[in-house]
Amino acid sequence: MTDQDQRLEQTIMGLLDRRADTSSICPSDAARAAYDGNDDGWRDLMDPARAAAWRLVASGAVEVTQSGRPVQESEARGPIRIRRARR
């Protein structure tokens, strides 16, 4: 795992820690927060941010949702949200 991968996973968890338990974030929130520039370079982190979310799903830490329901990576199409795993 690269430093960028770890930073994105930590960023996702940090953003979720600062929100209500029922809140979710967009992968773009993590990409923007992890990017250290002032331009649109955060967009290059969108695919890595989504990949970080799926790794966190595999570890059981988060769920990826569409229309408020958890989805698997194989069925996700279009915009996704990330929330803490519901147990």
N, C-alpha and C. Protein backbone atom coordinates (compact mmCIF):
# COMPACT_ATOMS: atom_id res chain seq x y z
N MET A 1 0.85 -1.18 0.00
CA MET A 1 0.00 0.00 0.00
C MET A 1 0.90 1.24 0.00
N THR A 2 0.54 2.21 -0.80
CA THR A 2 1.34 3.43 -0.91
C THR A 2 0.99 4.41 0.21
N ASP A 3 1.84 5.40 0.37
CA ASP A 3 1.56 6.47 1.35
C ASP A 3 0.26 7.17 1.01
N GLN A 4 0.02 7.38 -0.29
CA GLN A 4 -1.22 8.02 -0.72
C GLN A 4 -2.43 7.19 -0.33
N ASP A 5 -2.35 5.87 -0.51
CA ASP A 5 -3.45 4.97 -0.14
C ASP A 5 -3.75 5.10 1.35
N GLN A 6 -2.70 5.05 2.15
CA GLN A 6 -2.88 5.17 3.61
C GLN A 6 -3.46 6.53 3.98
N ARG A 7 -2.96 7.59 3.34
CA ARG A 7 -3.45 8.93 3.64
C ARG A 7 -4.94 9.05 3.31
N LEU A 8 -5.35 8.48 2.18
CA LEU A 8 -6.76 8.55 1.81
C LEU A 8 -7.64 7.76 2.77
N GLU A 9 -7.20 6.58 3.18
CA GLU A 9 -7.98 5.80 4.15
C GLU A 9 -8.10 6.56 5.46
N GLN A 10 -7.00 7.13 5.92
CA GLN A 10 -7.03 7.91 7.17
C GLN A 10 -7.91 9.14 7.02
N THR A 11 -7.88 9.77 5.86
CA THR A 11 -8.71 10.94 5.61
C THR A 11 -10.18 10.58 5.65
N ILE A 12 -10.55 9.47 5.01
CA ILE A 12 -11.95 9.02 5.03
C ILE A 12 -12.41 8.80 6.47
N MET A 13 -11.62 8.06 7.23
CA MET A 13 -12.01 7.77 8.62
C MET A 13 -12.04 9.05 9.46
N GLY A 14 -11.10 9.94 9.23
CA GLY A 14 -11.08 11.20 9.96
C GLY A 14 -12.30 12.06 9.66
N LEU A 15 -12.69 12.13 8.40
CA LEU A 15 -13.88 12.89 8.03
C LEU A 15 -15.13 12.29 8.67
N LEU A 16 -15.22 10.97 8.66
CA LEU A 16 -16.37 10.32 9.28
C LEU A 16 -16.39 10.52 10.79
N ASP A 17 -15.21 10.54 11.41
CA ASP A 17 -15.13 10.77 12.86
C ASP A 17 -15.64 12.14 13.25
N ARG A 18 -15.55 13.10 12.34
CA ARG A 18 -15.99 14.47 12.65
C ARG A 18 -17.45 14.71 12.28
N ARG A 19 -18.13 13.68 11.84
CA ARG A 19 -19.54 13.82 11.47
C ARG A 19 -20.41 12.94 12.38
N ALA A 20 -21.69 13.20 12.33
CA ALA A 20 -22.63 12.39 13.10
C ALA A 20 -22.55 10.93 12.65
N ASP A 21 -22.89 10.02 13.55
CA ASP A 21 -22.83 8.59 13.24
C ASP A 21 -23.67 8.21 12.02
N THR A 22 -24.71 8.97 11.75
CA THR A 22 -25.60 8.65 10.63
C THR A 22 -25.19 9.35 9.34
N SER A 23 -24.14 10.16 9.37
CA SER A 23 -23.71 10.92 8.20
C SER A 23 -22.86 10.10 7.26
N SER A 24 -22.78 10.57 6.03
CA SER A 24 -21.92 9.95 5.03
C SER A 24 -21.11 11.03 4.34
N ILE A 25 -20.09 10.61 3.62
CA ILE A 25 -19.27 11.53 2.85
C ILE A 25 -19.19 11.05 1.41
N CYS A 26 -18.79 11.94 0.55
CA CYS A 26 -18.54 11.63 -0.84
C CYS A 26 -17.04 11.37 -1.01
N PRO A 27 -16.65 10.49 -1.92
CA PRO A 27 -15.22 10.32 -2.16
C PRO A 27 -14.51 11.63 -2.49
N SER A 28 -15.23 12.59 -3.09
CA SER A 28 -14.61 13.88 -3.42
C SER A 28 -14.24 14.65 -2.15
N ASP A 29 -14.99 14.45 -1.07
CA ASP A 29 -14.63 15.09 0.20
C ASP A 29 -13.25 14.62 0.64
N ALA A 30 -13.00 13.33 0.54
CA ALA A 30 -11.71 12.76 0.93
C ALA A 30 -10.61 13.22 -0.03
N ALA A 31 -10.90 13.23 -1.32
CA ALA A 31 -9.90 13.65 -2.30
C ALA A 31 -9.49 15.10 -2.06
N ARG A 32 -10.46 15.96 -1.82
CA ARG A 32 -10.16 17.37 -1.55
C ARG A 32 -9.36 17.53 -0.27
N ALA A 33 -9.75 16.82 0.77
CA ALA A 33 -9.08 16.94 2.07
C ALA A 33 -7.65 16.40 2.01
N ALA A 34 -7.41 15.38 1.21
CA ALA A 34 -6.08 14.78 1.13
C ALA A 34 -5.15 15.52 0.18
N TYR A 35 -5.71 16.34 -0.70
CA TYR A 35 -4.90 17.06 -1.69
C TYR A 35 -4.26 18.27 -1.05
N ASP A 36 -2.97 18.49 -1.33
CA ASP A 36 -2.29 19.61 -0.69
C ASP A 36 -2.10 20.81 -1.61
N GLY A 37 -2.79 20.86 -2.71
CA GLY A 37 -2.66 22.00 -3.61
C GLY A 37 -3.88 22.90 -3.56
N ASN A 38 -3.82 23.97 -4.32
CA ASN A 38 -4.93 24.94 -4.35
C ASN A 38 -5.67 24.95 -5.68
N ASP A 39 -5.37 23.98 -6.52
CA ASP A 39 -6.03 23.93 -7.82
C ASP A 39 -6.98 22.72 -7.87
N ASP A 40 -7.35 22.32 -9.05
CA ASP A 40 -8.27 21.18 -9.22
C ASP A 40 -7.55 19.83 -9.24
N GLY A 41 -6.31 19.77 -8.79
CA GLY A 41 -5.55 18.53 -8.78
C GLY A 41 -6.16 17.44 -7.93
N TRP A 42 -7.06 17.82 -7.01
CA TRP A 42 -7.73 16.82 -6.18
C TRP A 42 -8.51 15.82 -7.03
N ARG A 43 -8.92 16.25 -8.21
CA ARG A 43 -9.69 15.36 -9.09
C ARG A 43 -8.90 14.10 -9.45
N ASP A 44 -7.56 14.23 -9.50
CA ASP A 44 -6.71 13.07 -9.79
C ASP A 44 -6.76 12.05 -8.66
N LEU A 45 -7.25 12.44 -7.50
CA LEU A 45 -7.35 11.53 -6.36
C LEU A 45 -8.71 10.84 -6.26
N MET A 46 -9.61 11.12 -7.19
CA MET A 46 -10.95 10.52 -7.10
C MET A 46 -10.92 9.00 -7.21
N ASP A 47 -10.25 8.45 -8.19
CA ASP A 47 -10.20 6.98 -8.31
C ASP A 47 -9.47 6.37 -7.11
N PRO A 48 -8.31 6.94 -6.70
CA PRO A 48 -7.68 6.40 -5.49
C PRO A 48 -8.56 6.53 -4.24
N ALA A 49 -9.37 7.58 -4.13
CA ALA A 49 -10.27 7.73 -2.98
C ALA A 49 -11.35 6.66 -3.00
N ARG A 50 -11.89 6.38 -4.18
CA ARG A 50 -12.88 5.30 -4.28
C ARG A 50 -12.24 3.95 -3.93
N ALA A 51 -11.03 3.73 -4.40
CA ALA A 51 -10.33 2.48 -4.08
C ALA A 51 -10.09 2.36 -2.58
N ALA A 52 -9.74 3.48 -1.94
CA ALA A 52 -9.55 3.47 -0.48
C ALA A 52 -10.85 3.11 0.22
N ALA A 53 -11.96 3.65 -0.28
CA ALA A 53 -13.26 3.32 0.32
C ALA A 53 -13.54 1.83 0.22
N TRP A 54 -13.25 1.23 -0.92
CA TRP A 54 -13.51 -0.20 -1.08
C TRP A 54 -12.60 -1.04 -0.20
N ARG A 55 -11.36 -0.59 0.01
CA ARG A 55 -10.48 -1.32 0.95
C ARG A 55 -11.06 -1.24 2.36
N LEU A 56 -11.60 -0.08 2.72
CA LEU A 56 -12.20 0.07 4.05
C LEU A 56 -13.47 -0.76 4.18
N VAL A 57 -14.20 -0.93 3.09
CA VAL A 57 -15.36 -1.83 3.10
C VAL A 57 -14.88 -3.25 3.40
N ALA A 58 -13.82 -3.67 2.72
CA ALA A 58 -13.29 -5.03 2.91
C ALA A 58 -12.84 -5.26 4.35
N SER A 59 -12.37 -4.21 5.01
CA SER A 59 -11.91 -4.35 6.39
C SER A 59 -13.07 -4.28 7.39
N GLY A 60 -14.27 -3.91 6.90
CA GLY A 60 -15.43 -3.83 7.78
C GLY A 60 -15.61 -2.48 8.46
N ALA A 61 -14.79 -1.50 8.11
CA ALA A 61 -14.85 -0.19 8.77
C ALA A 61 -15.96 0.71 8.23
N VAL A 62 -16.26 0.60 6.93
CA VAL A 62 -17.25 1.48 6.31
C VAL A 62 -18.16 0.68 5.38
N GLU A 63 -19.21 1.36 4.95
CA GLU A 63 -20.09 0.85 3.90
C GLU A 63 -20.11 1.88 2.79
N VAL A 64 -20.21 1.41 1.57
CA VAL A 64 -20.43 2.29 0.43
C VAL A 64 -21.90 2.16 0.07
N THR A 65 -22.55 3.30 -0.13
CA THR A 65 -23.98 3.28 -0.40
C THR A 65 -24.33 4.02 -1.69
N GLN A 66 -25.48 3.65 -2.22
CA GLN A 66 -26.14 4.38 -3.29
C GLN A 66 -27.61 4.41 -2.93
N SER A 67 -28.20 5.57 -3.03
CA SER A 67 -29.60 5.75 -2.64
C SER A 67 -29.85 5.26 -1.23
N GLY A 68 -28.86 5.42 -0.35
CA GLY A 68 -29.01 5.09 1.06
C GLY A 68 -28.86 3.62 1.42
N ARG A 69 -28.60 2.76 0.43
CA ARG A 69 -28.45 1.34 0.75
C ARG A 69 -27.05 0.87 0.39
N PRO A 70 -26.49 -0.03 1.21
CA PRO A 70 -25.15 -0.54 0.93
C PRO A 70 -25.10 -1.27 -0.41
N VAL A 71 -24.01 -1.08 -1.10
CA VAL A 71 -23.79 -1.77 -2.38
C VAL A 71 -22.41 -2.41 -2.37
N GLN A 72 -22.27 -3.42 -3.19
CA GLN A 72 -20.98 -4.07 -3.40
C GLN A 72 -20.28 -3.37 -4.57
N GLU A 73 -18.98 -3.47 -4.60
CA GLU A 73 -18.22 -2.80 -5.65
C GLU A 73 -18.68 -3.25 -7.04
N SER A 74 -19.01 -4.51 -7.18
CA SER A 74 -19.41 -5.05 -8.49
C SER A 74 -20.74 -4.48 -8.99
N GLU A 75 -21.57 -3.96 -8.08
CA GLU A 75 -22.87 -3.44 -8.49
C GLU A 75 -22.96 -1.92 -8.45
N ALA A 76 -21.94 -1.26 -7.95
CA ALA A 76 -21.96 0.20 -7.83
C ALA A 76 -21.75 0.84 -9.20
N ARG A 77 -22.67 1.70 -9.58
CA ARG A 77 -22.59 2.46 -10.83
C ARG A 77 -22.97 3.90 -10.50
N GLY A 78 -22.11 4.82 -10.86
CA GLY A 78 -22.41 6.23 -10.62
C GLY A 78 -21.95 6.69 -9.25
N PRO A 79 -22.54 7.80 -8.77
CA PRO A 79 -22.11 8.40 -7.51
C PRO A 79 -22.32 7.46 -6.31
N ILE A 80 -21.33 7.50 -5.42
CA ILE A 80 -21.41 6.69 -4.19
C ILE A 80 -21.22 7.59 -2.98
N ARG A 81 -21.62 7.08 -1.83
CA ARG A 81 -21.39 7.73 -0.54
C ARG A 81 -20.69 6.72 0.36
N ILE A 82 -20.00 7.24 1.36
CA ILE A 82 -19.27 6.39 2.31
C ILE A 82 -19.78 6.71 3.71
N ARG A 83 -20.11 5.68 4.47
CA ARG A 83 -20.55 5.88 5.85
C ARG A 83 -19.91 4.81 6.73
N ARG A 84 -19.95 5.06 8.03
CA ARG A 84 -19.48 4.04 8.97
C ARG A 84 -20.28 2.77 8.80
N ALA A 85 -19.62 1.64 9.01
CA ALA A 85 -20.33 0.36 8.91
C ALA A 85 -21.41 0.29 9.99
N ARG A 86 -22.56 -0.16 9.60
CA ARG A 86 -23.66 -0.35 10.55
C ARG A 86 -23.62 -1.79 11.00
N ARG A 87 -23.60 -1.97 12.29
CA ARG A 87 -23.49 -3.33 12.83
C ARG A 87 -24.79 -3.76 13.46
